[in-house]
PDB file of N, CA and C in Angstrom:
ATOM      1  N   MET A   1      24.947 -54.984  34.662  1.00  0.00           N
ATOM      2  CA  MET A   1      25.915 -53.581  33.749  1.00  0.00           C
ATOM      3  C   MET A   1      25.912 -53.534  32.502  1.00  0.00           C
ATOM      4  N   TYR A   2      24.992 -54.266  31.665  1.00  0.00           N
ATOM      5  CA  TYR A   2      23.721 -54.499  30.813  1.00  0.00           C
ATOM      6  C   TYR A   2      22.924 -53.704  30.598  1.00  0.00           C
ATOM      7  N   ALA A   3      22.580 -53.749  32.044  1.00  0.00           N
ATOM      8  CA  ALA A   3      21.271 -52.650  32.567  1.00  0.00           C
ATOM      9  C   ALA A   3      21.519 -51.097  32.046  1.00  0.00           C
ATOM     10  N   PHE A   4      22.734 -50.947  32.925  1.00  0.00           N
ATOM     11  CA  PHE A   4      23.326 -49.036  32.954  1.00  0.00           C
ATOM     12  C   PHE A   4      23.178 -48.163  32.108  1.00  0.00           C
ATOM     13  N   LEU A   5      24.346 -49.559  30.999  1.00  0.00           N
ATOM     14  CA  LEU A   5      24.681 -49.557  29.865  1.00  0.00           C
ATOM     15  C   LEU A   5      22.621 -48.925  28.569  1.00  0.00           C
ATOM     16  N   SER A   6      22.044 -50.089  28.552  1.00  0.00           N
ATOM     17  CA  SER A   6      20.639 -49.894  27.898  1.00  0.00           C
ATOM     18  C   SER A   6      19.857 -48.391  29.317  1.00  0.00           C
ATOM     19  N   VAL A   7      20.339 -47.603  29.622  1.00  0.00           N
ATOM     20  CA  VAL A   7      19.678 -46.907  30.336  1.00  0.00           C
ATOM     21  C   VAL A   7      20.453 -46.477  29.873  1.00  0.00           C
ATOM     22  N   ILE A   8      21.553 -45.309  29.637  1.00  0.00           N
ATOM     23  CA  ILE A   8      22.801 -44.995  28.927  1.00  0.00           C
ATOM     24  C   ILE A   8      21.778 -44.492  27.638  1.00  0.00           C
ATOM     25  N   LEU A   9      21.686 -45.614  26.873  1.00  0.00           N
ATOM     26  CA  LEU A   9      21.734 -45.615  25.277  1.00  0.00           C
ATOM     27  C   LEU A   9      19.768 -45.022  25.909  1.00  0.00           C
ATOM     28  N   ILE A  10      18.914 -45.863  25.900  1.00  0.00           N
ATOM     29  CA  ILE A  10      18.117 -44.968  26.223  1.00  0.00           C
ATOM     30  C   ILE A  10      17.489 -43.320  26.718  1.00  0.00           C
ATOM     31  N   ILE A  11      18.723 -42.932  27.318  1.00  0.00           N
ATOM     32  CA  ILE A  11      18.235 -41.450  27.182  1.00  0.00           C
ATOM     33  C   ILE A  11      18.699 -40.714  26.471  1.00  0.00           C
ATOM     34  N   PHE A  12      20.145 -41.020  25.977  1.00  0.00           N
ATOM     35  CA  PHE A  12      20.893 -40.864  24.814  1.00  0.00           C
ATOM     36  C   PHE A  12      20.342 -41.041  23.828  1.00  0.00           C
ATOM     37  N   GLY A  13      19.676 -41.337  23.524  1.00  0.00           N
ATOM     38  CA  GLY A  13      18.016 -41.705  22.555  1.00  0.00           C
ATOM     39  C   GLY A  13      16.834 -41.030  22.361  1.00  0.00           C
ATOM     40  N   ILE A  14      16.088 -40.334  23.611  1.00  0.00           N
ATOM     41  CA  ILE A  14      15.524 -39.866  23.414  1.00  0.00           C
ATOM     42  C   ILE A  14      16.527 -37.709  23.835  1.00  0.00           C
ATOM     43  N   LEU A  15      17.259 -37.845  23.896  1.00  0.00           N
ATOM     44  CA  LEU A  15      17.735 -36.650  24.067  1.00  0.00           C
ATOM     45  C   LEU A  15      18.159 -36.513  22.567  1.00  0.00           C
ATOM     46  N   GLN A  16      18.619 -36.836  22.171  1.00  0.00           N
ATOM     47  CA  GLN A  16      18.884 -36.855  20.123  1.00  0.00           C
ATOM     48  C   GLN A  16      17.027 -36.856  19.905  1.00  0.00           C
ATOM     49  N   ILE A  17      15.797 -37.281  20.360  1.00  0.00           N
ATOM     50  CA  ILE A  17      14.716 -36.716  19.394  1.00  0.00           C
ATOM     51  C   ILE A  17      14.098 -35.548  19.961  1.00  0.00           C
ATOM     52  N   ILE A  18      14.297 -35.061  21.131  1.00  0.00           N
ATOM     53  CA  ILE A  18      13.903 -33.849  21.543  1.00  0.00           C
ATOM     54  C   ILE A  18      15.160 -32.998  21.316  1.00  0.00           C
ATOM     55  N   LEU A  19      16.488 -32.814  20.674  1.00  0.00           N
ATOM     56  CA  LEU A  19      17.451 -32.611  20.485  1.00  0.00           C
ATOM     57  C   LEU A  19      17.147 -32.207  18.348  1.00  0.00           C
ATOM     58  N   PHE A  20      16.313 -33.226  17.916  1.00  0.00           N
ATOM     59  CA  PHE A  20      15.097 -32.734  16.530  1.00  0.00           C
ATOM     60  C   PHE A  20      14.726 -31.917  16.426  1.00  0.00           C
ATOM     61  N   PHE A  21      13.911 -32.278  17.374  1.00  0.00           N
ATOM     62  CA  PHE A  21      12.540 -31.183  17.397  1.00  0.00           C
ATOM     63  C   PHE A  21      12.711 -30.165  17.847  1.00  0.00           C
ATOM     64  N   LYS A  22      14.062 -29.948  18.887  1.00  0.00           N
ATOM     65  CA  LYS A  22      14.245 -27.613  19.118  1.00  0.00           C
ATOM     66  C   LYS A  22      15.109 -27.525  17.483  1.00  0.00           C
ATOM     67  N   LEU A  23      15.953 -28.224  16.829  1.00  0.00           N
ATOM     68  CA  LEU A  23      16.223 -27.194  15.593  1.00  0.00           C
ATOM     69  C   LEU A  23      15.167 -27.311  14.003  1.00  0.00           C
ATOM     70  N   TRP A  24      14.564 -28.468  14.779  1.00  0.00           N
ATOM     71  CA  TRP A  24      13.514 -28.158  13.665  1.00  0.00           C
ATOM     72  C   TRP A  24      12.515 -26.640  14.239  1.00  0.00           C
ATOM     73  N   GLU A  25      12.179 -26.564  15.125  1.00  0.00           N
ATOM     74  CA  GLU A  25      11.755 -25.819  16.092  1.00  0.00           C
ATOM     75  C   GLU A  25      12.256 -24.685  15.424  1.00  0.00           C
ATOM     76  N   MET A  26      14.052 -24.419  15.464  1.00  0.00           N
ATOM     77  CA  MET A  26      14.342 -23.350  15.452  1.00  0.00           C
ATOM     78  C   MET A  26      14.706 -22.422  14.031  1.00  0.00           C
ATOM     79  N   THR A  27      13.880 -23.359  12.835  1.00  0.00           N
ATOM     80  CA  THR A  27      14.044 -23.225  11.365  1.00  0.00           C
ATOM     81  C   THR A  27      13.349 -22.082  11.370  1.00  0.00           C
ATOM     82  N   ASN A  28      11.801 -22.442  11.601  1.00  0.00           N
ATOM     83  CA  ASN A  28      11.196 -21.769  11.454  1.00  0.00           C
ATOM     84  C   ASN A  28      11.441 -20.490  12.182  1.00  0.00           C
ATOM     85  N   ASP A  29      11.670 -20.734  13.424  1.00  0.00           N
ATOM     86  CA  ASP A  29      11.957 -18.381  13.975  1.00  0.00           C
ATOM     87  C   ASP A  29      12.919 -18.579  13.424  1.00  0.00           C
ATOM     88  N   VAL A  30      14.073 -19.087  11.993  1.00  0.00           N
ATOM     89  CA  VAL A  30      14.538 -18.021  11.013  1.00  0.00           C
ATOM     90  C   VAL A  30      13.657 -17.783  10.373  1.00  0.00           C
ATOM     91  N   ARG A  31      12.651 -18.277   9.701  1.00  0.00           N
ATOM     92  CA  ARG A  31      12.052 -18.146   8.940  1.00  0.00           C
ATOM     93  C   ARG A  31      10.428 -16.639   8.977  1.00  0.00           C
ATOM     94  N   ARG A  32      10.268 -16.717  10.495  1.00  0.00           N
ATOM     95  CA  ARG A  32       9.765 -15.980  11.048  1.00  0.00           C
ATOM     96  C   ARG A  32      10.623 -14.789  11.433  1.00  0.00           C
ATOM     97  N   ILE A  33      11.981 -14.103  11.648  1.00  0.00           N
ATOM     98  CA  ILE A  33      12.612 -13.467  11.645  1.00  0.00           C
ATOM     99  C   ILE A  33      12.908 -12.613  10.646  1.00  0.00           C
ATOM    100  N   SER A  34      13.885 -13.835   9.662  1.00  0.00           N
ATOM    101  CA  SER A  34      13.376 -13.072   8.155  1.00  0.00           C
ATOM    102  C   SER A  34      12.574 -12.060   7.524  1.00  0.00           C
ATOM    103  N   GLU A  35      11.362 -12.663   7.522  1.00  0.00           N
ATOM    104  CA  GLU A  35      10.168 -12.521   7.165  1.00  0.00           C
ATOM    105  C   GLU A  35       9.722 -10.665   8.081  1.00  0.00           C
ATOM    106  N   LYS A  36      10.090 -10.825   9.562  1.00  0.00           N
ATOM    107  CA  LYS A  36      10.178  -9.454   9.972  1.00  0.00           C
ATOM    108  C   LYS A  36      11.097  -8.708   9.513  1.00  0.00           C
ATOM    109  N   ILE A  37      12.553  -8.810   8.895  1.00  0.00           N
ATOM    110  CA  ILE A  37      13.637  -7.933   9.118  1.00  0.00           C
ATOM    111  C   ILE A  37      13.044  -7.296   7.627  1.00  0.00           C
ATOM    112  N   GLY A  38      12.226  -8.564   6.600  1.00  0.00           N
ATOM    113  CA  GLY A  38      11.822  -8.276   5.335  1.00  0.00           C
ATOM    114  C   GLY A  38      13.348  -8.813   4.878  1.00  0.00           C
ATOM    115  N   ALA A  39      13.838  -9.491   4.370  1.00  0.00           N
ATOM    116  CA  ALA A  39      14.237 -10.504   3.995  1.00  0.00           C
ATOM    117  C   ALA A  39      14.063 -10.553   2.263  1.00  0.00           C
ATOM    118  N   GLN A  40      14.347 -10.957   0.933  1.00  0.00           N
ATOM    119  CA  GLN A  40      13.658 -10.924   0.401  1.00  0.00           C
ATOM    120  C   GLN A  40      14.013 -12.236  -0.401  1.00  0.00           C
ATOM    121  N   PRO A  41      13.636 -13.173  -0.824  1.00  0.00           N
ATOM    122  CA  PRO A  41      13.725 -15.212  -0.134  1.00  0.00           C
ATOM    123  C   PRO A  41      14.808 -14.347  -1.582  1.00  0.00           C
ATOM    124  N   ILE A  42      15.940 -14.861  -2.004  1.00  0.00           N
ATOM    125  CA  ILE A  42      16.641 -14.839  -3.391  1.00  0.00           C
ATOM    126  C   ILE A  42      16.043 -15.290  -4.361  1.00  0.00           C
ATOM    127  N   ASP A  43      15.484 -16.198  -4.542  1.00  0.00           N
ATOM    128  CA  ASP A  43      14.966 -17.222  -5.428  1.00  0.00           C
ATOM    129  C   ASP A  43      14.144 -15.625  -6.189  1.00  0.00           C
ATOM    130  N   THR A  44      13.405 -15.338  -5.701  1.00  0.00           N
ATOM    131  CA  THR A  44      11.750 -13.546  -6.033  1.00  0.00           C
ATOM    132  C   THR A  44      13.736 -13.208  -7.444  1.00  0.00           C
ATOM    133  N   PHE A  45      14.342 -12.685  -6.975  1.00  0.00           N
ATOM    134  CA  PHE A  45      14.694 -11.982  -7.442  1.00  0.00           C
ATOM    135  C   PHE A  45      15.681 -13.017  -8.370  1.00  0.00           C
ATOM    136  N   VAL A  46      15.410 -13.861  -8.302  1.00  0.00           N
ATOM    137  CA  VAL A  46      16.304 -14.382  -9.305  1.00  0.00           C
ATOM    138  C   VAL A  46      15.502 -15.135 -10.598  1.00  0.00           C
ATOM    139  N   LYS A  47      13.883 -14.985 -10.106  1.00  0.00           N
ATOM    140  CA  LYS A  47      12.595 -15.185 -11.562  1.00  0.00           C
ATOM    141  C   LYS A  47      12.862 -14.184 -11.793  1.00  0.00           C
ATOM    142  N   LEU A  48      12.361 -13.292 -10.790  1.00  0.00           N
ATOM    143  CA  LEU A  48      12.938 -11.963 -12.023  1.00  0.00           C
ATOM    144  C   LEU A  48      13.514 -11.225 -12.712  1.00  0.00           C
ATOM    145  N   GLU A  49      14.600 -11.983 -12.363  1.00  0.00           N
ATOM    146  CA  GLU A  49      15.788 -11.276 -13.226  1.00  0.00           C
ATOM    147  C   GLU A  49      15.726 -12.504 -14.778  1.00  0.00           C
ATOM    148  N   GLN A  50      15.470 -14.070 -14.743  1.00  0.00           N
ATOM    149  CA  GLN A  50      15.250 -14.681 -15.639  1.00  0.00           C
ATOM    150  C   GLN A  50      14.028 -14.316 -16.909  1.00  0.00           C
ATOM    151  N   SER A  51      12.801 -13.734 -15.868  1.00  0.00           N
ATOM    152  CA  SER A  51      12.433 -13.367 -16.440  1.00  0.00           C
ATOM    153  C   SER A  51      11.844 -11.895 -17.366  1.00  0.00           C
ATOM    154  N   ILE A  52      13.213 -10.997 -17.076  1.00  0.00           N
ATOM    155  CA  ILE A  52      13.289 -10.121 -17.564  1.00  0.00           C
ATOM    156  C   ILE A  52      14.218 -10.144 -18.713  1.00  0.00           C
ATOM    157  N   ARG A  53      15.621 -11.346 -19.315  1.00  0.00           N
ATOM    158  CA  ARG A  53      15.806 -11.975 -19.582  1.00  0.00           C
ATOM    159  C   ARG A  53      15.310 -12.236 -20.629  1.00  0.00           C
ATOM    160  N   LYS A  54      14.193 -13.095 -20.551  1.00  0.00           N
ATOM    161  CA  LYS A  54      13.778 -14.181 -21.725  1.00  0.00           C
ATOM    162  C   LYS A  54      12.915 -13.200 -22.836  1.00  0.00           C
ATOM    163  N   LEU A  55      12.148 -11.753 -21.348  1.00  0.00           N
ATOM    164  CA  LEU A  55      11.399 -10.545 -22.019  1.00  0.00           C
ATOM    165  C   LEU A  55      12.194 -10.144 -23.678  1.00  0.00           C
ATOM    166  N   LEU A  56      13.568  -9.891 -23.027  1.00  0.00           N
ATOM    167  CA  LEU A  56      15.147  -9.131 -23.647  1.00  0.00           C
ATOM    168  C   LEU A  56      15.364  -9.925 -24.905  1.00  0.00           C
ATOM    169  N   LEU A  57      15.820 -11.022 -24.756  1.00  0.00           N
ATOM    170  CA  LEU A  57      16.431 -11.537 -25.324  1.00  0.00           C
ATOM    171  C   LEU A  57      14.941 -11.295 -26.418  1.00  0.00           C
ATOM    172  N   GLU A  58      13.926 -11.785 -26.505  1.00  0.00           N
ATOM    173  CA  GLU A  58      12.664 -11.390 -27.206  1.00  0.00           C
ATOM    174  C   GLU A  58      12.743 -10.422 -28.491  1.00  0.00           C
ATOM    175  N   GLY A  59      13.090  -9.545 -27.640  1.00  0.00           N
ATOM    176  CA  GLY A  59      13.469  -7.863 -28.185  1.00  0.00           C
ATOM    177  C   GLY A  59      12.041  -7.093 -27.483  1.00  0.00           C
ATOM    178  N   LYS A  60      11.448  -7.566 -26.462  1.00  0.00           N
ATOM    179  CA  LYS A  60      10.291  -7.464 -25.928  1.00  0.00           C
ATOM    180  C   LYS A  60      11.143  -6.220 -24.475  1.00  0.00           C
ATOM    181  N   LYS A  61      11.772  -4.716 -24.790  1.00  0.00           N
ATOM    182  CA  LYS A  61      12.322  -3.906 -23.575  1.00  0.00           C
ATOM    183  C   LYS A  61      11.058  -3.187 -22.209  1.00  0.00           C
ATOM    184  N   ASP A  62      10.580  -2.802 -23.963  1.00  0.00           N
ATOM    185  CA  ASP A  62       9.133  -2.001 -23.551  1.00  0.00           C
ATOM    186  C   ASP A  62       8.625  -3.196 -22.440  1.00  0.00           C
ATOM    187  N   GLN A  63       8.409  -4.357 -22.230  1.00  0.00           N
ATOM    188  CA  GLN A  63       7.557  -5.609 -21.709  1.00  0.00           C
ATOM    189  C   GLN A  63       8.574  -5.384 -20.402  1.00  0.00           C
ATOM    190  N   ALA A  64       9.561  -6.148 -20.303  1.00  0.00           N
ATOM    191  CA  ALA A  64      10.560  -6.372 -19.682  1.00  0.00           C
ATOM    192  C   ALA A  64      10.875  -5.310 -18.746  1.00  0.00           C
ATOM    193  N   ILE A  65      10.233  -4.061 -18.783  1.00  0.00           N
ATOM    194  CA  ILE A  65      10.178  -2.881 -18.177  1.00  0.00           C
ATOM    195  C   ILE A  65       8.671  -2.765 -17.390  1.00  0.00           C
ATOM    196  N   ASP A  66       8.086  -3.299 -17.871  1.00  0.00           N
ATOM    197  CA  ASP A  66       6.800  -3.372 -17.227  1.00  0.00           C
ATOM    198  C   ASP A  66       6.127  -4.410 -16.259  1.00  0.00           C
ATOM    199  N   LEU A  67       7.521  -5.266 -16.568  1.00  0.00           N
ATOM    200  CA  LEU A  67       7.478  -6.244 -15.253  1.00  0.00           C
ATOM    201  C   LEU A  67       7.514  -5.593 -13.878  1.00  0.00           C
ATOM    202  N   LEU A  68       9.160  -5.205 -13.929  1.00  0.00           N
ATOM    203  CA  LEU A  68      10.666  -5.064 -13.902  1.00  0.00           C
ATOM    204  C   LEU A  68       8.668  -3.623 -12.529  1.00  0.00           C
ATOM    205  N   LYS A  69       8.575  -2.935 -13.250  1.00  0.00           N
ATOM    206  CA  LYS A  69       7.633  -2.154 -12.661  1.00  0.00           C
ATOM    207  C   LYS A  69       6.444  -2.297 -11.790  1.00  0.00           C
ATOM    208  N   SER A  70       5.732  -3.533 -12.060  1.00  0.00           N
ATOM    209  CA  SER A  70       5.184  -4.389 -11.790  1.00  0.00           C
ATOM    210  C   SER A  70       4.848  -4.812 -10.347  1.00  0.00           C
ATOM    211  N   ASN A  71       6.744  -5.706 -10.067  1.00  0.00           N
ATOM    212  CA  ASN A  71       6.988  -6.144  -9.710  1.00  0.00           C
ATOM    213  C   ASN A  71       7.640  -5.053  -8.484  1.00  0.00           C
ATOM    214  N   LEU A  72       7.622  -3.676  -8.649  1.00  0.00           N
ATOM    215  CA  LEU A  72       8.352  -2.796  -7.488  1.00  0.00           C
ATOM    216  C   LEU A  72       7.417  -2.554  -7.197  1.00  0.00           C
ATOM    217  N   VAL A  73       6.074  -1.744  -7.850  1.00  0.00           N
ATOM    218  CA  VAL A  73       5.285  -1.208  -6.996  1.00  0.00           C
ATOM    219  C   VAL A  73       4.595  -2.983  -5.935  1.00  0.00           C
ATOM    220  N   LYS A  74       3.959  -3.998  -5.933  1.00  0.00           N
ATOM    221  CA  LYS A  74       3.426  -4.578  -5.291  1.00  0.00           C
ATOM    222  C   LYS A  74       4.702  -5.005  -4.218  1.00  0.00           C
ATOM    223  N   ASP A  75       6.038  -4.980  -4.557  1.00  0.00           N
ATOM    224  CA  ASP A  75       6.084  -5.186  -3.580  1.00  0.00           C
ATOM    225  C   ASP A  75       6.644  -4.112  -2.344  1.00  0.00           C
ATOM    226  N   VAL A  76       6.874  -3.074  -2.678  1.00  0.00           N
ATOM    227  CA  VAL A  76       7.172  -2.018  -2.063  1.00  0.00           C
ATOM    228  C   VAL A  76       5.158  -1.734  -0.684  1.00  0.00           C
ATOM    229  N   ILE A  77       4.287  -1.421  -2.221  1.00  0.00           N
ATOM    230  CA  ILE A  77       3.003  -1.755  -0.420  1.00  0.00           C
ATOM    231  C   ILE A  77       2.628  -2.509  -0.591  1.00  0.00           C
ATOM    232  N   GLY A  78       3.260  -3.988  -0.903  1.00  0.00           N
ATOM    233  CA  GLY A  78       3.869  -5.391   0.268  1.00  0.00           C
ATOM    234  C   GLY A  78       4.123  -4.712   1.672  1.00  0.00           C
ATOM    235  N   TYR A  79       5.791  -4.382   1.647  1.00  0.00           N
ATOM    236  CA  TYR A  79       6.674  -4.047   2.092  1.00  0.00           C
ATOM    237  C   TYR A  79       5.955  -3.619   2.696  1.00  0.00           C
ATOM    238  N   ILE A  80       5.310  -2.390   3.082  1.00  0.00           N
ATOM    239  CA  ILE A  80       4.001  -1.176   3.520  1.00  0.00           C
ATOM    240  C   ILE A  80       3.219  -0.867   4.534  1.00  0.00           C
ATOM    241  N   TYR A  81       2.141  -2.741   3.882  1.00  0.00           N
ATOM    242  CA  TYR A  81       0.687  -2.803   4.201  1.00  0.00           C
ATOM    243  C   TYR A  81       1.834  -3.822   5.361  1.00  0.00           C
ATOM    244  N   LYS A  82       3.332  -4.534   5.596  1.00  0.00           N
ATOM    245  CA  LYS A  82       3.178  -5.239   6.862  1.00  0.00           C
ATOM    246  C   LYS A  82       4.201  -5.174   7.725  1.00  0.00           C
ATOM    247  N   GLY A  83       4.471  -2.879   7.421  1.00  0.00           N
ATOM    248  CA  GLY A  83       4.320  -2.144   8.533  1.00  0.00           C
ATOM    249  C   GLY A  83       6.150  -2.346   8.797  1.00  0.00           C
ATOM    250  N   TYR A  84       6.171  -3.224   7.144  1.00  0.00           N
ATOM    251  CA  TYR A  84       7.911  -2.824   7.617  1.00  0.00           C
ATOM    252  C   TYR A  84       8.738  -1.253   8.033  1.00  0.00           C
ATOM    253  N   ASP A  85       9.761  -0.360   8.658  1.00  0.00           N
ATOM    254  CA  ASP A  85       9.997   0.272   8.259  1.00  0.00           C
ATOM    255  C   ASP A  85      10.652   1.577   7.386  1.00  0.00           C
ATOM    256  N   SER A  86      11.652   1.882   7.129  1.00  0.00           N
ATOM    257  CA  SER A  86      11.380   2.895   6.005  1.00  0.00           C
ATOM    258  C   SER A  86      13.579   2.049   5.445  1.00  0.00           C
ATOM    259  N   GLN A  87      13.512   1.962   6.491  1.00  0.00           N
ATOM    260  CA  GLN A  87      15.317   1.588   5.969  1.00  0.00           C
ATOM    261  C   GLN A  87      15.020   0.302   4.545  1.00  0.00           C
ATOM    262  N   ILE A  88      14.436   0.006   5.579  1.00  0.00           N
ATOM    263  CA  ILE A  88      13.754  -1.928   4.597  1.00  0.00           C
ATOM    264  C   ILE A  88      13.925  -1.816   3.400  1.00  0.00           C
ATOM    265  N   ILE A  89      12.609  -1.016   3.858  1.00  0.00           N
ATOM    266  CA  ILE A  89      11.980  -0.122   2.031  1.00  0.00           C
ATOM    267  C   ILE A  89      12.732   0.304   1.237  1.00  0.00           C
ATOM    268  N   ASN A  90      14.139   1.203   1.892  1.00  0.00           N
ATOM    269  CA  ASN A  90      15.022   1.617   0.915  1.00  0.00           C
ATOM    270  C   ASN A  90      15.743   0.637   0.694  1.00  0.00           C
ATOM    271  N   ASN A  91      16.040  -0.473   1.062  1.00  0.00           N
ATOM    272  CA  ASN A  91      17.410  -1.585   0.664  1.00  0.00           C
ATOM    273  C   ASN A  91      16.350  -1.987  -0.246  1.00  0.00           C
ATOM    274  N   LEU A  92      14.968  -2.108  -0.392  1.00  0.00           N
ATOM    275  CA  LEU A  92      14.100  -3.152  -1.691  1.00  0.00           C
ATOM    276  C   LEU A  92      13.944  -2.050  -2.703  1.00  0.00           C
ATOM    277  N   LYS A  93      14.218  -0.699  -2.024  1.00  0.00           N
ATOM    278  CA  LYS A  93      14.648   0.473  -3.750  1.00  0.00           C
ATOM    279  C   LYS A  93      15.724  -0.180  -3.934  1.00  0.00           C
ATOM    280  N   ASN A  94      16.650   0.067  -3.508  1.00  0.00           N
ATOM    281  CA  ASN A  94      17.824  -0.483  -3.979  1.00  0.00           C
ATOM    282  C   ASN A  94      18.595  -1.248  -4.761  1.00  0.00           C
ATOM    283  N   ASN A  95      17.719  -2.572  -4.260  1.00  0.00           N
ATOM    284  CA  ASN A  95      17.311  -3.569  -4.736  1.00  0.00           C
ATOM    285  C   ASN A  95      17.757  -3.716  -6.330  1.00  0.00           C
ATOM    286  N   TYR A  96      15.831  -2.870  -6.341  1.00  0.00           N
ATOM    287  CA  TYR A  96      15.016  -2.788  -8.007  1.00  0.00           C
ATOM    288  C   TYR A  96      15.893  -1.330  -8.897  1.00  0.00           C
ATOM    289  N   ARG A  97      16.976  -0.890  -7.655  1.00  0.00           N
ATOM    290  CA  ARG A  97      17.513   0.580  -8.670  1.00  0.00           C
ATOM    291  C   ARG A  97      18.406  -0.032  -9.537  1.00  0.00           C
ATOM    292  N   GLU A  98      19.285  -0.949  -9.177  1.00  0.00           N
ATOM    293  CA  GLU A  98      19.398  -2.385  -9.396  1.00  0.00           C
ATOM    294  C   GLU A  98      19.634  -2.290 -10.672  1.00  0.00           C
ATOM    295  N   TYR A  99      18.366  -3.027 -11.445  1.00  0.00           N
ATOM    296  CA  TYR A  99      17.714  -3.607 -12.261  1.00  0.00           C
ATOM    297  C   TYR A  99      17.512  -2.847 -13.714  1.00  0.00           C
ATOM    298  N   TYR A 100      16.986  -1.062 -12.802  1.00  0.00           N
ATOM    299  CA  TYR A 100      16.864  -0.157 -13.600  1.00  0.00           C
ATOM    300  C   TYR A 100      17.679   0.695 -14.296  1.00  0.00           C
ATOM    301  N   GLU A 101      18.786   0.239 -13.564  1.00  0.00           N
ATOM    302  CA  GLU A 101      20.410   1.138 -14.376  1.00  0.00           C
ATOM    303  C   GLU A 101      20.055   0.261 -15.679  1.00  0.00           C
ATOM    304  N   LYS A 102      20.279  -1.450 -14.605  1.00  0.00           N
ATOM    305  CA  LYS A 102      20.773  -2.115 -16.309  1.00  0.00           C
ATOM    306  C   LYS A 102      20.367  -2.232 -17.573  1.00  0.00           C
ATOM    307  N   LEU A 103      18.960  -1.809 -17.604  1.00  0.00           N
ATOM    308  CA  LEU A 103      18.213  -1.063 -18.537  1.00  0.00           C
ATOM    309  C   LEU A 103      17.825   0.158 -19.056  1.00  0.00           C
ATOM    310  N   GLY A 104      18.563   0.923 -17.629  1.00  0.00           N
ATOM    311  CA  GLY A 104      19.123   1.880 -19.077  1.00  0.00           C
ATOM    312  C   GLY A 104      17.796   3.411 -18.179  1.00  0.00           C
ATOM    313  N   GLU A 105      16.701   2.694 -17.710  1.00  0.00           N
ATOM    314  CA  GLU A 105      16.427   3.139 -17.603  1.00  0.00           C
ATOM    315  C   GLU A 105      15.666   4.162 -15.839  1.00  0.00           C
ATOM    316  N   PRO A 106      15.236   5.531 -15.527  1.00  0.00           N
ATOM    317  CA  PRO A 106      15.492   6.290 -14.494  1.00  0.00           C
ATOM    318  C   PRO A 106      14.607   5.284 -13.635  1.00  0.00           C
ATOM    319  N   PHE A 107      14.306   5.971 -12.663  1.00  0.00           N
ATOM    320  CA  PHE A 107      14.326   5.036 -11.259  1.00  0.00           C
ATOM    321  C   PHE A 107      13.194   5.433 -11.061  1.00  0.00           C
ATOM    322  N   PRO A 108      11.641   5.818 -10.715  1.00  0.00           N
ATOM    323  CA  PRO A 108      10.293   5.794 -10.979  1.00  0.00           C
ATOM    324  C   PRO A 108      10.144   7.138  -9.337  1.00  0.00           C
ATOM    325  N   GLU A 109       9.606   8.463  -9.914  1.00  0.00           N
ATOM    326  CA  GLU A 109       9.455   9.358  -9.521  1.00  0.00           C
ATOM    327  C   GLU A 109       9.115   8.772  -7.951  1.00  0.00           C
ATOM    328  N   GLN A 110       7.226   8.323  -8.660  1.00  0.00           N
ATOM    329  CA  GLN A 110       6.556   8.142  -7.834  1.00  0.00           C
ATOM    330  C   GLN A 110       6.872   7.296  -6.505  1.00  0.00           C
ATOM    331  N   ILE A 111       7.664   6.446  -6.720  1.00  0.00           N
ATOM    332  CA  ILE A 111       8.007   4.824  -5.662  1.00  0.00           C
ATOM    333  C   ILE A 111       9.527   5.866  -4.783  1.00  0.00           C
ATOM    334  N   GLU A 112      10.218   6.862  -5.687  1.00  0.00           N
ATOM    335  CA  GLU A 112      11.323   7.262  -4.639  1.00  0.00           C
ATOM    336  C   GLU A 112      10.707   7.955  -3.530  1.00  0.00           C
ATOM    337  N   LYS A 113       9.494   8.585  -3.854  1.00  0.00           N
ATOM    338  CA  LYS A 113       8.733  10.157  -2.590  1.00  0.00           C
ATOM    339  C   LYS A 113       8.079   8.798  -1.454  1.00  0.00           C
ATOM    340  N   ILE A 114       7.873   6.955  -1.566  1.00  0.00           N
ATOM    341  CA  ILE A 114       7.279   7.057  -1.344  1.00  0.00           C
ATOM    342  C   ILE A 114       7.757   5.444   0.344  1.00  0.00           C
ATOM    343  N   ASN A 115       7.459   6.085   1.104  1.00  0.00           N
ATOM    344  CA  ASN A 115       8.683   5.493   2.332  1.00  0.00           C
ATOM    345  C   ASN A 115       7.986   5.014   3.792  1.00  0.00           C
ATOM    346  N   THR A 116       6.048   5.515   3.510  1.00  0.00           N
ATOM    347  CA  THR A 116       5.470   4.901   5.509  1.00  0.00           C
ATOM    348  C   THR A 116       4.287   4.572   3.589  1.00  0.00           C
ATOM    349  N   LEU A 117       3.568   4.125   5.016  1.00  0.00           N
ATOM    350  CA  LEU A 117       1.978   4.309   4.821  1.00  0.00           C
ATOM    351  C   LEU A 117       1.128   5.823   4.610  1.00  0.00           C
ATOM    352  N   SER A 118       2.155   6.323   5.599  1.00  0.00           N
ATOM    353  CA  SER A 118       1.100   8.254   4.843  1.00  0.00           C
ATOM    354  C   SER A 118       1.721   9.128   3.844  1.00  0.00           C
ATOM    355  N   ASP A 119       3.441   8.380   3.465  1.00  0.00           N
ATOM    356  CA  ASP A 119       3.297   8.440   2.335  1.00  0.00           C
ATOM    357  C   ASP A 119       2.524   7.872   1.110  1.00  0.00           C
ATOM    358  N   LEU A 120       2.444   6.131   0.581  1.00  0.00           N
ATOM    359  CA  LEU A 120       0.949   5.415   0.007  1.00  0.00           C
ATOM    360  C   LEU A 120      -0.039   6.325   0.302  1.00  0.00           C
ATOM    361  N   GLU A 121      -1.051   7.138   1.486  1.00  0.00           N
ATOM    362  CA  GLU A 121      -2.353   6.699   1.314  1.00  0.00           C
ATOM    363  C   GLU A 121      -1.951   8.812  -0.121  1.00  0.00           C
ATOM    364  N   LYS A 122      -1.199   9.888   0.632  1.00  0.00           N
ATOM    365  CA  LYS A 122      -1.454  11.080  -0.197  1.00  0.00           C
ATOM    366  C   LYS A 122      -1.201  10.438  -1.799  1.00  0.00           C
ATOM    367  N   LEU A 123      -0.885   9.220  -2.591  1.00  0.00           N
ATOM    368  CA  LEU A 123      -1.164   9.012  -4.103  1.00  0.00           C
ATOM    369  C   LEU A 123      -2.568   9.203  -4.239  1.00  0.00           C
ATOM    370  N   PHE A 124      -3.498   9.047  -3.552  1.00  0.00           N
ATOM    371  CA  PHE A 124      -5.120   9.031  -3.480  1.00  0.00           C
ATOM    372  C   PHE A 124      -5.828   9.572  -2.864  1.00  0.00           C
TER     373      PHE A 124
END
């Protein structure tokens, strides 16, 4: 009886270890999938908002706008070179468009025209 119970407990323990590593592997898959669909980490926009708020509190609206522009350009170019489709790039632009509206600034026309690598290459 004890031998049977011991075997069952050993098998159960081994299955628990296997399950742990399977779950760990799945979290890495979720990270890869979110990178492929172009999901921006929430903390990226939180840090951007914090930096903009700090600059606005210091009375440096021009620097806040420059920070917003540089982040937008960096993200759009990065997404294009990573091969994301135009829908994902448009979603990114829409996220940034909200910040421009809050600052009372027009969204840059040059960025609005860029959706693909060929659009980006036409600039230069």
